[in-house]
Amino acid sequence: MADSELTDFETRVLTMIAALQPGDIVTYGEVAAEVGKPGAARAVGSTLRRHGSEVPWWRVVAANGRLVPGGEQRQTAKLKAEGVLVRNGRVVMR
C-alpha cells in the first residue's frame, strides 16, 4: 500500500511498530498513547488488520497480554522465536 493511502494516524502507528525490536512487547493502548491518541486502542487494531503485514504486528497485544484472536498460534510461534514467554494464549508481561 502506498504511503499516500495511509492516514497520519496509520502512518504513526506503523512507524512506531516498525521500530520495535525482537522481544519488545507493547499493548494496543500503549501504541495509541505513544502516537498521540490515548484511548484509540481499537483504531490501532484496525490499522494492524489492514496494514499489519508491513510491520511486526505480533509484538502488539491486548492490555491483559492476550494475543490476536484467531491468530494465536501464529503469533505465539513468532513471539517464542524472539524469546517471549507465552502461556495460555497470553504474553507473560515482565
Protein backbone atom coordinates (compact mmCIF):
# COMPACT_ATOMS: atom_id res chain seq x y z
CA MET A 1 0.00 0.00 0.00
CA ALA A 2 1.34 3.41 -0.93
CA ASP A 3 2.07 5.77 1.96
CA SER A 4 -0.26 8.34 0.40
CA GLU A 5 -3.17 5.99 1.09
CA LEU A 6 -2.43 5.92 4.82
CA THR A 7 -3.87 8.39 7.28
CA ASP A 8 -1.50 10.32 9.52
CA PHE A 9 -2.59 8.14 12.45
CA GLU A 10 -1.93 4.92 10.50
CA THR A 11 1.49 6.17 9.43
CA ARG A 12 2.44 6.98 13.02
CA VAL A 13 1.18 3.59 14.27
CA LEU A 14 3.05 1.64 11.61
CA THR A 15 6.23 3.67 12.11
CA MET A 16 6.18 3.04 15.85
CA ILE A 17 5.56 -0.69 15.47
CA ALA A 18 8.21 -1.00 12.76
CA ALA A 19 10.75 0.37 15.26
CA LEU A 20 10.06 -2.38 17.82
CA GLN A 21 12.96 -4.76 18.35
CA PRO A 22 12.72 -8.55 18.66
CA GLY A 23 11.38 -9.38 22.11
CA ASP A 24 9.71 -5.98 22.56
CA ILE A 25 6.03 -6.16 23.51
CA VAL A 26 3.58 -3.25 23.58
CA THR A 27 -0.16 -3.06 24.04
CA TYR A 28 -2.64 -1.53 21.63
CA GLY A 29 -3.28 1.18 24.22
CA GLU A 30 0.41 1.95 24.62
CA VAL A 31 0.76 2.37 20.87
CA ALA A 32 -2.27 4.66 20.77
CA ALA A 33 -0.92 6.82 23.60
CA GLU A 34 2.57 6.94 22.10
CA VAL A 35 1.26 8.25 18.77
CA GLY A 36 -0.82 10.93 20.49
CA LYS A 37 -4.25 9.28 20.52
CA PRO A 38 -4.80 7.86 24.01
CA GLY A 39 -7.93 5.74 24.07
CA ALA A 40 -7.61 4.75 20.41
CA ALA A 41 -6.52 1.15 21.04
CA ARG A 42 -9.22 -0.22 18.74
CA ALA A 43 -8.04 2.07 15.94
CA VAL A 44 -4.55 0.63 16.39
CA GLY A 45 -6.04 -2.85 15.99
CA SER A 46 -7.89 -1.77 12.86
CA THR A 47 -4.69 -0.34 11.41
CA LEU A 48 -2.89 -3.62 12.04
CA ARG A 49 -5.72 -5.62 10.47
CA ARG A 50 -5.44 -3.53 7.31
CA HIS A 51 -1.69 -2.97 7.13
CA GLY A 52 -0.13 -5.34 9.66
CA SER A 53 1.79 -7.40 7.14
CA GLU A 54 4.07 -4.39 6.70
CA VAL A 55 5.29 -4.39 10.33
CA PRO A 56 5.97 -6.84 13.20
CA TRP A 57 2.31 -6.97 14.25
CA TRP A 58 2.92 -9.94 16.56
CA ARG A 59 4.66 -7.64 19.07
CA VAL A 60 1.37 -5.89 19.89
CA VAL A 61 -1.00 -7.47 22.41
CA ALA A 62 -4.08 -6.56 24.44
CA ALA A 63 -3.64 -4.80 27.79
CA ASN A 64 -4.01 -8.12 29.59
CA GLY A 65 -1.39 -9.76 27.36
CA ARG A 66 -3.98 -11.61 25.26
CA LEU A 67 -2.89 -12.49 21.74
CA VAL A 68 -4.68 -11.69 18.48
CA PRO A 69 -7.99 -13.60 18.32
CA GLY A 70 -7.84 -16.17 15.54
CA GLY A 71 -4.11 -15.73 15.11
CA GLU A 72 -2.87 -17.04 18.44
CA GLN A 73 -0.84 -19.95 17.08
CA ARG A 74 0.98 -17.85 14.52
CA GLN A 75 1.59 -15.03 16.99
CA THR A 76 2.75 -17.46 19.68
CA ALA A 77 5.29 -19.03 17.31
CA LYS A 78 6.70 -15.65 16.29
CA LEU A 79 6.93 -14.41 19.87
CA LYS A 80 8.51 -17.59 21.20
CA ALA A 81 11.10 -17.39 18.41
CA GLU A 82 12.03 -13.98 19.87
CA GLY A 83 12.31 -15.34 23.40
CA VAL A 84 8.96 -14.03 24.67
CA LEU A 85 7.18 -16.18 27.24
CA VAL A 86 3.62 -17.05 26.17
CA ARG A 87 1.31 -19.02 28.43
CA ASN A 88 -2.38 -19.88 27.91
CA GLY A 89 -2.79 -17.51 24.95
CA ARG A 90 -1.23 -14.55 26.76
CA VAL A 91 2.17 -12.93 26.89
CA VAL A 92 3.67 -13.14 30.35
CA MET A 93 4.38 -9.45 30.91
CA ARG A 94 7.62 -8.70 32.74
